[in-house]
């Protein structure tokens, strides 16, 4: 599921109790090291695949810049956060650089938080 679909589903469900909603809530607790906004609302999560039956979670995400100093360690930070979610049995984070991140990927909440309107 890509992030546009995720945001639409998230808006419709609010803080629902299914595994996807819990994973999204967890991702919203992880903040970008350079911009004070969580990685989900910042638009760094490109794809999120959650298997409710097995508890497997796969995330394709990026960082705001390829030269980010936490590029080596940040995927493990995100994996650890997701593994703490009840119902998750395995988590895999893949760091991708294509397409490059732009500010246009940020949610409305992130733009408001950063005063970008």
PDB file of N, CA and C in Angstrom:
ATOM      1  N   UNK A   1       0.857  -1.164   0.000  1.00  0.00           N
ATOM      2  CA  UNK A   1       0.000   0.000   0.000  1.00  0.00           C
ATOM      3  C   UNK A   1       0.907   1.233   0.000  1.00  0.00           C
ATOM      4  N   UNK A   2       0.717   2.150  -0.947  1.00  0.00           N
ATOM      5  CA  UNK A   2       1.564   3.335  -0.967  1.00  0.00           C
ATOM      6  C   UNK A   2       1.060   4.371   0.036  1.00  0.00           C
ATOM      7  N   UNK A   3       1.854   5.420   0.267  1.00  0.00           N
ATOM      8  CA  UNK A   3       1.509   6.357   1.332  1.00  0.00           C
ATOM      9  C   UNK A   3       0.257   7.165   1.031  1.00  0.00           C
ATOM     10  N   UNK A   4      -0.057   7.429  -0.221  1.00  0.00           N
ATOM     11  CA  UNK A   4      -1.300   8.144  -0.512  1.00  0.00           C
ATOM     12  C   UNK A   4      -2.496   7.316  -0.049  1.00  0.00           C
ATOM     13  N   UNK A   5      -2.453   6.020  -0.359  1.00  0.00           N
ATOM     14  CA  UNK A   5      -3.518   5.122   0.098  1.00  0.00           C
ATOM     15  C   UNK A   5      -3.524   5.029   1.613  1.00  0.00           C
ATOM     16  N   UNK A   6      -2.335   5.002   2.212  1.00  0.00           N
ATOM     17  CA  UNK A   6      -2.235   4.908   3.672  1.00  0.00           C
ATOM     18  C   UNK A   6      -2.887   6.097   4.337  1.00  0.00           C
ATOM     19  N   UNK A   7      -2.597   7.297   3.855  1.00  0.00           N
ATOM     20  CA  UNK A   7      -3.169   8.489   4.474  1.00  0.00           C
ATOM     21  C   UNK A   7      -4.681   8.518   4.314  1.00  0.00           C
ATOM     22  N   UNK A   8      -5.190   8.071   3.150  1.00  0.00           N
ATOM     23  CA  UNK A   8      -6.636   8.023   2.966  1.00  0.00           C
ATOM     24  C   UNK A   8      -7.263   7.033   3.935  1.00  0.00           C
ATOM     25  N   UNK A   9      -6.664   5.850   4.062  1.00  0.00           N
ATOM     26  CA  UNK A   9      -7.210   4.842   4.974  1.00  0.00           C
ATOM     27  C   UNK A   9      -7.092   5.313   6.411  1.00  0.00           C
ATOM     28  N   UNK A  10      -5.968   5.938   6.745  1.00  0.00           N
ATOM     29  CA  UNK A  10      -5.738   6.427   8.100  1.00  0.00           C
ATOM     30  C   UNK A  10      -6.775   7.492   8.461  1.00  0.00           C
ATOM     31  N   UNK A  11      -7.052   8.394   7.529  1.00  0.00           N
ATOM     32  CA  UNK A  11      -8.047   9.434   7.791  1.00  0.00           C
ATOM     33  C   UNK A  11      -9.421   8.817   8.018  1.00  0.00           C
ATOM     34  N   UNK A  12      -9.743   7.778   7.270  1.00  0.00           N
ATOM     35  CA  UNK A  12     -11.055   7.156   7.388  1.00  0.00           C
ATOM     36  C   UNK A  12     -11.186   6.351   8.678  1.00  0.00           C
ATOM     37  N   UNK A  13     -10.084   5.742   9.154  1.00  0.00           N
ATOM     38  CA  UNK A  13     -10.162   4.868  10.312  1.00  0.00           C
ATOM     39  C   UNK A  13      -9.912   5.566  11.635  1.00  0.00           C
ATOM     40  N   UNK A  14      -9.274   6.713  11.589  1.00  0.00           N
ATOM     41  CA  UNK A  14      -8.916   7.355  12.849  1.00  0.00           C
ATOM     42  C   UNK A  14      -7.934   6.490  13.601  1.00  0.00           C
ATOM     43  N   UNK A  15      -8.193   6.222  14.859  1.00  0.00           N
ATOM     44  CA  UNK A  15      -7.259   5.428  15.645  1.00  0.00           C
ATOM     45  C   UNK A  15      -7.791   4.014  15.842  1.00  0.00           C
ATOM     46  N   UNK A  16      -8.235   3.406  14.743  1.00  0.00           N
ATOM     47  CA  UNK A  16      -8.795   2.069  14.800  1.00  0.00           C
ATOM     48  C   UNK A  16      -7.850   1.068  15.431  1.00  0.00           C
ATOM     49  N   UNK A  17      -8.378  -0.123  15.740  1.00  0.00           N
ATOM     50  CA  UNK A  17      -7.606  -1.082  16.488  1.00  0.00           C
ATOM     51  C   UNK A  17      -6.897  -2.128  15.660  1.00  0.00           C
ATOM     52  N   UNK A  18      -6.967  -2.108  14.341  1.00  0.00           N
ATOM     53  CA  UNK A  18      -6.313  -3.162  13.578  1.00  0.00           C
ATOM     54  C   UNK A  18      -4.798  -2.967  13.549  1.00  0.00           C
ATOM     55  N   UNK A  19      -4.099  -3.979  13.081  1.00  0.00           N
ATOM     56  CA  UNK A  19      -2.638  -3.971  13.106  1.00  0.00           C
ATOM     57  C   UNK A  19      -2.058  -2.823  12.289  1.00  0.00           C
ATOM     58  N   UNK A  20      -2.611  -2.558  11.118  1.00  0.00           N
ATOM     59  CA  UNK A  20      -2.111  -1.453  10.299  1.00  0.00           C
ATOM     60  C   UNK A  20      -2.174  -0.140  11.072  1.00  0.00           C
ATOM     61  N   UNK A  21      -3.294   0.132  11.710  1.00  0.00           N
ATOM     62  CA  UNK A  21      -3.440   1.378  12.466  1.00  0.00           C
ATOM     63  C   UNK A  21      -2.419   1.452  13.607  1.00  0.00           C
ATOM     64  N   UNK A  22      -2.179   0.315  14.273  1.00  0.00           N
ATOM     65  CA  UNK A  22      -1.199   0.304  15.368  1.00  0.00           C
ATOM     66  C   UNK A  22       0.217   0.533  14.853  1.00  0.00           C
ATOM     67  N   UNK A  23       0.528  -0.024  13.688  1.00  0.00           N
ATOM     68  CA  UNK A  23       1.855   0.192  13.092  1.00  0.00           C
ATOM     69  C   UNK A  23       2.020   1.661  12.713  1.00  0.00           C
ATOM     70  N   UNK A  24       0.995   2.252  12.105  1.00  0.00           N
ATOM     71  CA  UNK A  24       1.065   3.671  11.744  1.00  0.00           C
ATOM     72  C   UNK A  24       1.240   4.521  12.997  1.00  0.00           C
ATOM     73  N   UNK A  25       0.507   4.205  14.049  1.00  0.00           N
ATOM     74  CA  UNK A  25       0.669   4.946  15.311  1.00  0.00           C
ATOM     75  C   UNK A  25       2.104   4.852  15.808  1.00  0.00           C
ATOM     76  N   UNK A  26       2.709   3.670  15.701  1.00  0.00           N
ATOM     77  CA  UNK A  26       4.104   3.493  16.132  1.00  0.00           C
ATOM     78  C   UNK A  26       5.044   4.313  15.258  1.00  0.00           C
ATOM     79  N   UNK A  27       4.823   4.306  13.946  1.00  0.00           N
ATOM     80  CA  UNK A  27       5.680   5.082  13.043  1.00  0.00           C
ATOM     81  C   UNK A  27       5.608   6.572  13.363  1.00  0.00           C
ATOM     82  N   UNK A  28       4.476   7.005  13.853  1.00  0.00           N
ATOM     83  CA  UNK A  28       4.323   8.419  14.208  1.00  0.00           C
ATOM     84  C   UNK A  28       5.086   8.788  15.487  1.00  0.00           C
ATOM     85  N   UNK A  29       5.706   7.814  16.143  1.00  0.00           N
ATOM     86  CA  UNK A  29       6.532   8.113  17.322  1.00  0.00           C
ATOM     87  C   UNK A  29       8.012   8.215  16.966  1.00  0.00           C
ATOM     88  N   UNK A  30       8.350   7.911  15.700  1.00  0.00           N
ATOM     89  CA  UNK A  30       9.737   7.973  15.238  1.00  0.00           C
ATOM     90  C   UNK A  30       9.922   9.279  14.487  1.00  0.00           C
ATOM     91  N   UNK A  31      10.869  10.091  14.953  1.00  0.00           N
ATOM     92  CA  UNK A  31      11.071  11.410  14.357  1.00  0.00           C
ATOM     93  C   UNK A  31      12.323  11.462  13.493  1.00  0.00           C
ATOM     94  N   UNK A  32      12.221  12.188  12.405  1.00  0.00           N
ATOM     95  CA  UNK A  32      13.363  12.424  11.543  1.00  0.00           C
ATOM     96  C   UNK A  32      14.444  13.117  12.359  1.00  0.00           C
ATOM     97  N   UNK A  33      15.702  12.727  12.204  1.00  0.00           N
ATOM     98  CA  UNK A  33      16.764  13.339  13.005  1.00  0.00           C
ATOM     99  C   UNK A  33      17.068  14.799  12.653  1.00  0.00           C
ATOM    100  N   UNK A  34      16.613  15.251  11.476  1.00  0.00           N
ATOM    101  CA  UNK A  34      16.928  16.612  11.053  1.00  0.00           C
ATOM    102  C   UNK A  34      15.740  17.556  11.059  1.00  0.00           C
ATOM    103  N   UNK A  35      14.529  17.004  10.923  1.00  0.00           N
ATOM    104  CA  UNK A  35      13.314  17.819  10.870  1.00  0.00           C
ATOM    105  C   UNK A  35      12.408  17.322  11.999  1.00  0.00           C
ATOM    106  N   UNK A  36      11.921  18.194  12.845  1.00  0.00           N
ATOM    107  CA  UNK A  36      11.152  17.746  14.023  1.00  0.00           C
ATOM    108  C   UNK A  36       9.716  17.297  13.718  1.00  0.00           C
ATOM    109  N   UNK A  37       9.603  16.322  12.809  1.00  0.00           N
ATOM    110  CA  UNK A  37       8.308  15.778  12.422  1.00  0.00           C
ATOM    111  C   UNK A  37       8.479  14.265  12.324  1.00  0.00           C
ATOM    112  N   UNK A  38       7.426  13.518  12.658  1.00  0.00           N
ATOM    113  CA  UNK A  38       7.531  12.058  12.588  1.00  0.00           C
ATOM    114  C   UNK A  38       7.668  11.595  11.137  1.00  0.00           C
ATOM    115  N   UNK A  39       8.270  10.419  10.972  1.00  0.00           N
ATOM    116  CA  UNK A  39       8.591   9.921   9.634  1.00  0.00           C
ATOM    117  C   UNK A  39       7.355   9.614   8.795  1.00  0.00           C
ATOM    118  N   UNK A  40       6.245   9.273   9.426  1.00  0.00           N
ATOM    119  CA  UNK A  40       5.031   8.958   8.678  1.00  0.00           C
ATOM    120  C   UNK A  40       4.440  10.234   8.061  1.00  0.00           C
ATOM    121  N   UNK A  41       4.233  11.260   8.881  1.00  0.00           N
ATOM    122  CA  UNK A  41       3.657  12.508   8.374  1.00  0.00           C
ATOM    123  C   UNK A  41       4.625  13.283   7.496  1.00  0.00           C
ATOM    124  N   UNK A  42       5.904  13.025   7.665  1.00  0.00           N
ATOM    125  CA  UNK A  42       6.906  13.667   6.819  1.00  0.00           C
ATOM    126  C   UNK A  42       6.904  13.067   5.414  1.00  0.00           C
ATOM    127  N   UNK A  43       6.280  11.917   5.264  1.00  0.00           N
ATOM    128  CA  UNK A  43       6.196  11.278   3.948  1.00  0.00           C
ATOM    129  C   UNK A  43       7.404  10.423   3.622  1.00  0.00           C
ATOM    130  N   UNK A  44       8.139  10.002   4.636  1.00  0.00           N
ATOM    131  CA  UNK A  44       9.316   9.173   4.396  1.00  0.00           C
ATOM    132  C   UNK A  44       8.958   7.705   4.178  1.00  0.00           C
ATOM    133  N   UNK A  45       7.765   7.296   4.601  1.00  0.00           N
ATOM    134  CA  UNK A  45       7.320   5.916   4.399  1.00  0.00           C
ATOM    135  C   UNK A  45       6.646   5.844   3.035  1.00  0.00           C
ATOM    136  N   UNK A  46       7.282   5.141   2.105  1.00  0.00           N
ATOM    137  CA  UNK A  46       6.755   5.041   0.751  1.00  0.00           C
ATOM    138  C   UNK A  46       5.767   3.891   0.611  1.00  0.00           C
ATOM    139  N   UNK A  47       6.042   2.759   1.247  1.00  0.00           N
ATOM    140  CA  UNK A  47       5.148   1.612   1.186  1.00  0.00           C
ATOM    141  C   UNK A  47       5.128   0.930   2.544  1.00  0.00           C
ATOM    142  N   UNK A  48       3.967   0.423   2.902  1.00  0.00           N
ATOM    143  CA  UNK A  48       3.794  -0.267   4.164  1.00  0.00           C
ATOM    144  C   UNK A  48       2.928  -1.489   3.903  1.00  0.00           C
ATOM    145  N   UNK A  49       3.509  -2.678   4.110  1.00  0.00           N
ATOM    146  CA  UNK A  49       2.781  -3.920   3.902  1.00  0.00           C
ATOM    147  C   UNK A  49       2.657  -4.610   5.248  1.00  0.00           C
ATOM    148  N   UNK A  50       1.426  -4.804   5.705  1.00  0.00           N
ATOM    149  CA  UNK A  50       1.150  -5.431   6.996  1.00  0.00           C
ATOM    150  C   UNK A  50       0.296  -6.668   6.752  1.00  0.00           C
ATOM    151  N   UNK A  51       0.805  -7.816   7.174  1.00  0.00           N
ATOM    152  CA  UNK A  51       0.058  -9.062   7.069  1.00  0.00           C
ATOM    153  C   UNK A  51      -0.553  -9.350   8.437  1.00  0.00           C
ATOM    154  N   UNK A  52      -1.868  -9.169   8.543  1.00  0.00           N
ATOM    155  CA  UNK A  52      -2.555  -9.350   9.825  1.00  0.00           C
ATOM    156  C   UNK A  52      -2.417 -10.772  10.371  1.00  0.00           C
ATOM    157  N   UNK A  53      -2.415 -11.766   9.491  1.00  0.00           N
ATOM    158  CA  UNK A  53      -2.351 -13.160   9.946  1.00  0.00           C
ATOM    159  C   UNK A  53      -0.985 -13.533  10.504  1.00  0.00           C
ATOM    160  N   UNK A  54       0.073 -13.214   9.759  1.00  0.00           N
ATOM    161  CA  UNK A  54       1.416 -13.612  10.189  1.00  0.00           C
ATOM    162  C   UNK A  54       2.065 -12.587  11.117  1.00  0.00           C
ATOM    163  N   UNK A  55       1.604 -11.343  11.043  1.00  0.00           N
ATOM    164  CA  UNK A  55       2.225 -10.282  11.834  1.00  0.00           C
ATOM    165  C   UNK A  55       3.477  -9.723  11.196  1.00  0.00           C
ATOM    166  N   UNK A  56       3.730 -10.067   9.933  1.00  0.00           N
ATOM    167  CA  UNK A  56       4.898  -9.559   9.217  1.00  0.00           C
ATOM    168  C   UNK A  56       4.636  -8.145   8.696  1.00  0.00           C
ATOM    169  N   UNK A  57       5.608  -7.272   8.884  1.00  0.00           N
ATOM    170  CA  UNK A  57       5.507  -5.898   8.409  1.00  0.00           C
ATOM    171  C   UNK A  57       6.726  -5.588   7.554  1.00  0.00           C
ATOM    172  N   UNK A  58       6.484  -5.072   6.359  1.00  0.00           N
ATOM    173  CA  UNK A  58       7.560  -4.646   5.469  1.00  0.00           C
ATOM    174  C   UNK A  58       7.352  -3.174   5.153  1.00  0.00           C
ATOM    175  N   UNK A  59       8.432  -2.411   5.289  1.00  0.00           N
ATOM    176  CA  UNK A  59       8.365  -0.962   5.070  1.00  0.00           C
ATOM    177  C   UNK A  59       9.424  -0.568   4.061  1.00  0.00           C
ATOM    178  N   UNK A  60       9.005   0.182   3.051  1.00  0.00           N
ATOM    179  CA  UNK A  60       9.951   0.829   2.130  1.00  0.00           C
ATOM    180  C   UNK A  60       9.901   2.306   2.476  1.00  0.00           C
ATOM    181  N   UNK A  61      11.053   2.845   2.815  1.00  0.00           N
ATOM    182  CA  UNK A  61      11.093   4.250   3.222  1.00  0.00           C
ATOM    183  C   UNK A  61      12.363   4.905   2.713  1.00  0.00           C
ATOM    184  N   UNK A  62      12.398   6.211   2.849  1.00  0.00           N
ATOM    185  CA  UNK A  62      13.560   6.977   2.446  1.00  0.00           C
ATOM    186  C   UNK A  62      13.946   7.904   3.577  1.00  0.00           C
ATOM    187  N   UNK A  63      14.953   8.702   3.349  1.00  0.00           N
ATOM    188  CA  UNK A  63      15.348   9.771   4.266  1.00  0.00           C
ATOM    189  C   UNK A  63      15.299  11.077   3.496  1.00  0.00           C
ATOM    190  N   UNK A  64      15.365  12.188   4.195  1.00  0.00           N
ATOM    191  CA  UNK A  64      15.237  13.474   3.508  1.00  0.00           C
ATOM    192  C   UNK A  64      16.412  13.766   2.589  1.00  0.00           C
ATOM    193  N   UNK A  65      17.571  13.142   2.845  1.00  0.00           N
ATOM    194  CA  UNK A  65      18.747  13.350   2.002  1.00  0.00           C
ATOM    195  C   UNK A  65      19.591  12.083   1.991  1.00  0.00           C
ATOM    196  N   UNK A  66      20.128  11.701   0.826  1.00  0.00           N
ATOM    197  CA  UNK A  66      20.945  10.489   0.749  1.00  0.00           C
ATOM    198  C   UNK A  66      22.173  10.530   1.667  1.00  0.00           C
ATOM    199  N   UNK A  67      22.700  11.700   1.928  1.00  0.00           N
ATOM    200  CA  UNK A  67      23.886  11.831   2.773  1.00  0.00           C
ATOM    201  C   UNK A  67      23.568  11.918   4.256  1.00  0.00           C
ATOM    202  N   UNK A  68      22.353  11.599   4.633  1.00  0.00           N
ATOM    203  CA  UNK A  68      21.940  11.690   6.029  1.00  0.00           C
ATOM    204  C   UNK A  68      22.860  10.830   6.896  1.00  0.00           C
ATOM    205  N   UNK A  69      23.378  11.401   7.983  1.00  0.00           N
ATOM    206  CA  UNK A  69      24.335  10.663   8.807  1.00  0.00           C
ATOM    207  C   UNK A  69      23.768   9.429   9.505  1.00  0.00           C
ATOM    208  N   UNK A  70      22.460   9.283   9.590  1.00  0.00           N
ATOM    209  CA  UNK A  70      21.877   8.116  10.251  1.00  0.00           C
ATOM    210  C   UNK A  70      21.396   7.044   9.256  1.00  0.00           C
ATOM    211  N   UNK A  71      21.785   7.186   7.995  1.00  0.00           N
ATOM    212  CA  UNK A  71      21.301   6.265   6.967  1.00  0.00           C
ATOM    213  C   UNK A  71      21.594   4.805   7.309  1.00  0.00           C
ATOM    214  N   UNK A  72      22.696   4.529   7.952  1.00  0.00           N
ATOM    215  CA  UNK A  72      23.043   3.143   8.280  1.00  0.00           C
ATOM    216  C   UNK A  72      22.256   2.616   9.474  1.00  0.00           C
ATOM    217  N   UNK A  73      21.962   3.465  10.445  1.00  0.00           N
ATOM    218  CA  UNK A  73      21.347   3.002  11.685  1.00  0.00           C
ATOM    219  C   UNK A  73      19.833   3.217  11.762  1.00  0.00           C
ATOM    220  N   UNK A  74      19.301   4.137  10.993  1.00  0.00           N
ATOM    221  CA  UNK A  74      17.896   4.502  11.123  1.00  0.00           C
ATOM    222  C   UNK A  74      16.923   3.375  10.781  1.00  0.00           C
ATOM    223  N   UNK A  75      17.170   2.562   9.743  1.00  0.00           N
ATOM    224  CA  UNK A  75      16.244   1.458   9.472  1.00  0.00           C
ATOM    225  C   UNK A  75      16.081   0.527  10.681  1.00  0.00           C
ATOM    226  N   UNK A  76      17.147   0.257  11.400  1.00  0.00           N
ATOM    227  CA  UNK A  76      17.049  -0.597  12.595  1.00  0.00           C
ATOM    228  C   UNK A  76      16.223   0.079  13.683  1.00  0.00           C
ATOM    229  N   UNK A  77      16.327   1.384  13.797  1.00  0.00           N
ATOM    230  CA  UNK A  77      15.520   2.131  14.766  1.00  0.00           C
ATOM    231  C   UNK A  77      14.036   1.973  14.449  1.00  0.00           C
ATOM    232  N   UNK A  78      13.692   2.087  13.166  1.00  0.00           N
ATOM    233  CA  UNK A  78      12.297   1.949  12.739  1.00  0.00           C
ATOM    234  C   UNK A  78      11.826   0.505  12.953  1.00  0.00           C
ATOM    235  N   UNK A  79      12.659  -0.466  12.599  1.00  0.00           N
ATOM    236  CA  UNK A  79      12.306  -1.873  12.810  1.00  0.00           C
ATOM    237  C   UNK A  79      12.020  -2.149  14.286  1.00  0.00           C
ATOM    238  N   UNK A  80      12.892  -1.667  15.160  1.00  0.00           N
ATOM    239  CA  UNK A  80      12.708  -1.888  16.600  1.00  0.00           C
ATOM    240  C   UNK A  80      11.392  -1.300  17.091  1.00  0.00           C
ATOM    241  N   UNK A  81      11.064  -0.121  16.609  1.00  0.00           N
ATOM    242  CA  UNK A  81       9.814   0.526  17.004  1.00  0.00           C
ATOM    243  C   UNK A  81       8.612  -0.306  16.567  1.00  0.00           C
ATOM    244  N   UNK A  82       8.634  -0.801  15.341  1.00  0.00           N
ATOM    245  CA  UNK A  82       7.518  -1.581  14.806  1.00  0.00           C
ATOM    246  C   UNK A  82       7.425  -2.934  15.510  1.00  0.00           C
ATOM    247  N   UNK A  83       8.561  -3.530  15.839  1.00  0.00           N
ATOM    248  CA  UNK A  83       8.550  -4.819  16.535  1.00  0.00           C
ATOM    249  C   UNK A  83       7.911  -4.732  17.915  1.00  0.00           C
ATOM    250  N   UNK A  84       7.875  -3.540  18.491  1.00  0.00           N
ATOM    251  CA  UNK A  84       7.245  -3.346  19.795  1.00  0.00           C
ATOM    252  C   UNK A  84       5.719  -3.304  19.725  1.00  0.00           C
ATOM    253  N   UNK A  85       5.160  -3.264  18.514  1.00  0.00           N
ATOM    254  CA  UNK A  85       3.708  -3.197  18.342  1.00  0.00           C
ATOM    255  C   UNK A  85       3.101  -4.575  18.587  1.00  0.00           C
ATOM    256  N   UNK A  86       2.067  -4.630  19.414  1.00  0.00           N
ATOM    257  CA  UNK A  86       1.370  -5.887  19.674  1.00  0.00           C
ATOM    258  C   UNK A  86       0.845  -6.470  18.369  1.00  0.00           C
ATOM    259  N   UNK A  87       1.136  -7.736  18.118  1.00  0.00           N
ATOM    260  CA  UNK A  87       0.683  -8.400  16.913  1.00  0.00           C
ATOM    261  C   UNK A  87       1.714  -8.474  15.818  1.00  0.00           C
ATOM    262  N   UNK A  88       2.812  -7.723  15.943  1.00  0.00           N
ATOM    263  CA  UNK A  88       3.882  -7.763  14.942  1.00  0.00           C
ATOM    264  C   UNK A  88       4.878  -8.845  15.339  1.00  0.00           C
ATOM    265  N   UNK A  89       5.136  -9.767  14.408  1.00  0.00           N
ATOM    266  CA  UNK A  89       6.085 -10.841  14.685  1.00  0.00           C
ATOM    267  C   UNK A  89       7.427 -10.627  13.991  1.00  0.00           C
ATOM    268  N   UNK A  90       7.415  -9.874  12.890  1.00  0.00           N
ATOM    269  CA  UNK A  90       8.645  -9.595  12.155  1.00  0.00           C
ATOM    270  C   UNK A  90       8.500  -8.255  11.457  1.00  0.00           C
ATOM    271  N   UNK A  91       9.620  -7.538  11.355  1.00  0.00           N
ATOM    272  CA  UNK A  91       9.609  -6.245  10.662  1.00  0.00           C
ATOM    273  C   UNK A  91      10.867  -6.129   9.813  1.00  0.00           C
ATOM    274  N   UNK A  92      10.678  -5.640   8.609  1.00  0.00           N
ATOM    275  CA  UNK A  92      11.795  -5.420   7.700  1.00  0.00           C
ATOM    276  C   UNK A  92      11.652  -4.024   7.116  1.00  0.00           C
ATOM    277  N   UNK A  93      12.719  -3.241   7.205  1.00  0.00           N
ATOM    278  CA  UNK A  93      12.724  -1.892   6.649  1.00  0.00           C
ATOM    279  C   UNK A  93      13.754  -1.833   5.533  1.00  0.00           C
ATOM    280  N   UNK A  94      13.302  -1.420   4.363  1.00  0.00           N
ATOM    281  CA  UNK A  94      14.193  -1.238   3.220  1.00  0.00           C
ATOM    282  C   UNK A  94      14.317   0.253   2.950  1.00  0.00           C
ATOM    283  N   UNK A  95      15.541   0.742   2.916  1.00  0.00           N
ATOM    284  CA  UNK A  95      15.801   2.146   2.619  1.00  0.00           C
ATOM    285  C   UNK A  95      15.952   2.297   1.110  1.00  0.00           C
ATOM    286  N   UNK A  96      15.153   3.181   0.509  1.00  0.00           N
ATOM    287  CA  UNK A  96      15.184   3.409  -0.937  1.00  0.00           C
ATOM    288  C   UNK A  96      15.406   4.894  -1.209  1.00  0.00           C
ATOM    289  N   UNK A  97      15.930   5.186  -2.371  1.00  0.00           N
ATOM    290  CA  UNK A  97      16.216   6.585  -2.716  1.00  0.00           C
ATOM    291  C   UNK A  97      15.450   7.044  -3.951  1.00  0.00           C
ATOM    292  N   UNK A  98      14.645   6.156  -4.530  1.00  0.00           N
ATOM    293  CA  UNK A  98      13.905   6.511  -5.725  1.00  0.00           C
ATOM    294  C   UNK A  98      12.435   6.195  -5.501  1.00  0.00           C
ATOM    295  N   UNK A  99      11.555   7.137  -5.601  1.00  0.00           N
ATOM    296  CA  UNK A  99      11.802   8.530  -5.971  1.00  0.00           C
ATOM    297  C   UNK A  99      12.402   9.316  -4.808  1.00  0.00           C
ATOM    298  N   UNK A 100      13.149  10.363  -5.130  1.00  0.00           N
ATOM    299  CA  UNK A 100      13.717  11.189  -4.074  1.00  0.00           C
ATOM    300  C   UNK A 100      12.605  11.856  -3.259  1.00  0.00           C
ATOM    301  N   UNK A 101      12.851  12.017  -1.967  1.00  0.00           N
ATOM    302  CA  UNK A 101      11.884  12.685  -1.100  1.00  0.00           C
ATOM    303  C   UNK A 101      11.817  14.170  -1.447  1.00  0.00           C
ATOM    304  N   UNK A 102      10.597  14.723  -1.409  1.00  0.00           N
ATOM    305  CA  UNK A 102      10.400  16.158  -1.553  1.00  0.00           C
ATOM    306  C   UNK A 102       9.394  16.603  -0.496  1.00  0.00           C
ATOM    307  N   UNK A 103       9.332  17.879  -0.238  1.00  0.00           N
ATOM    308  CA  UNK A 103       8.378  18.413   0.739  1.00  0.00           C
ATOM    309  C   UNK A 103       6.932  18.144   0.363  1.00  0.00           C
ATOM    310  N   UNK A 104       6.687  17.918  -0.907  1.00  0.00           N
ATOM    311  CA  UNK A 104       5.323  17.637  -1.375  1.00  0.00           C
ATOM    312  C   UNK A 104       4.780  16.334  -0.786  1.00  0.00           C
ATOM    313  N   UNK A 105       5.636  15.465  -0.280  1.00  0.00           N
ATOM    314  CA  UNK A 105       5.203  14.186   0.299  1.00  0.00           C
ATOM    315  C   UNK A 105       4.669  14.349   1.720  1.00  0.00           C
ATOM    316  N   UNK A 106       4.887  15.504   2.329  1.00  0.00           N
ATOM    317  CA  UNK A 106       4.466  15.717   3.713  1.00  0.00           C
ATOM    318  C   UNK A 106       2.949  15.805   3.823  1.00  0.00           C
ATOM    319  N   UNK A 107       2.439  15.320   4.941  1.00  0.00           N
ATOM    320  CA  UNK A 107       1.003  15.428   5.201  1.00  0.00           C
ATOM    321  C   UNK A 107       0.667  16.882   5.536  1.00  0.00           C
ATOM    322  N   UNK A 108      -0.623  17.186   5.504  1.00  0.00           N
ATOM    323  CA  UNK A 108      -1.078  18.526   5.880  1.00  0.00           C
ATOM    324  C   UNK A 108      -0.687  18.839   7.327  1.00  0.00           C
ATOM    325  N   UNK A 109      -0.774  17.841   8.199  1.00  0.00           N
ATOM    326  CA  UNK A 109      -0.399  18.037   9.609  1.00  0.00           C
ATOM    327  C   UNK A 109       1.074  18.416   9.737  1.00  0.00           C
ATOM    328  N   UNK A 110       1.935  17.779   8.952  1.00  0.00           N
ATOM    329  CA  UNK A 110       3.363  18.094   8.995  1.00  0.00           C
ATOM    330  C   UNK A 110       3.622  19.510   8.493  1.00  0.00           C
ATOM    331  N   UNK A 111       2.933  19.891   7.429  1.00  0.00           N
ATOM    332  CA  UNK A 111       3.120  21.247   6.891  1.00  0.00           C
ATOM    333  C   UNK A 111       2.656  22.295   7.912  1.00  0.00           C
ATOM    334  N   UNK A 112       1.552  22.009   8.585  1.00  0.00           N
ATOM    335  CA  UNK A 112       1.069  22.924   9.627  1.00  0.00           C
ATOM    336  C   UNK A 112       2.068  23.030  10.763  1.00  0.00           C
ATOM    337  N   UNK A 113       2.612  21.881  11.178  1.00  0.00           N
ATOM    338  CA  UNK A 113       3.556  21.861  12.292  1.00  0.00           C
ATOM    339  C   UNK A 113       4.808  22.672  11.964  1.00  0.00           C
ATOM    340  N   UNK A 114       5.202  22.645  10.712  1.00  0.00           N
ATOM    341  CA  UNK A 114       6.418  23.368  10.294  1.00  0.00           C
ATOM    342  C   UNK A 114       6.114  24.782   9.784  1.00  0.00           C
ATOM    343  N   UNK A 115       4.837  25.180   9.789  1.00  0.00           N
ATOM    344  CA  UNK A 115       4.460  26.513   9.328  1.00  0.00           C
ATOM    345  C   UNK A 115       4.688  26.711   7.840  1.00  0.00           C
ATOM    346  N   UNK A 116       4.403  25.679   7.055  1.00  0.00           N
ATOM    347  CA  UNK A 116       4.688  25.733   5.625  1.00  0.00           C
ATOM    348  C   UNK A 116       3.463  26.054   4.770  1.00  0.00           C
ATOM    349  N   UNK A 117       2.467  26.761   5.341  1.00  0.00           N
ATOM    350  CA  UNK A 117       1.300  27.148   4.544  1.00  0.00           C
ATOM    351  C   UNK A 117       1.317  28.608   4.268  1.00  0.00           C
TER     352      UNK A 117
END
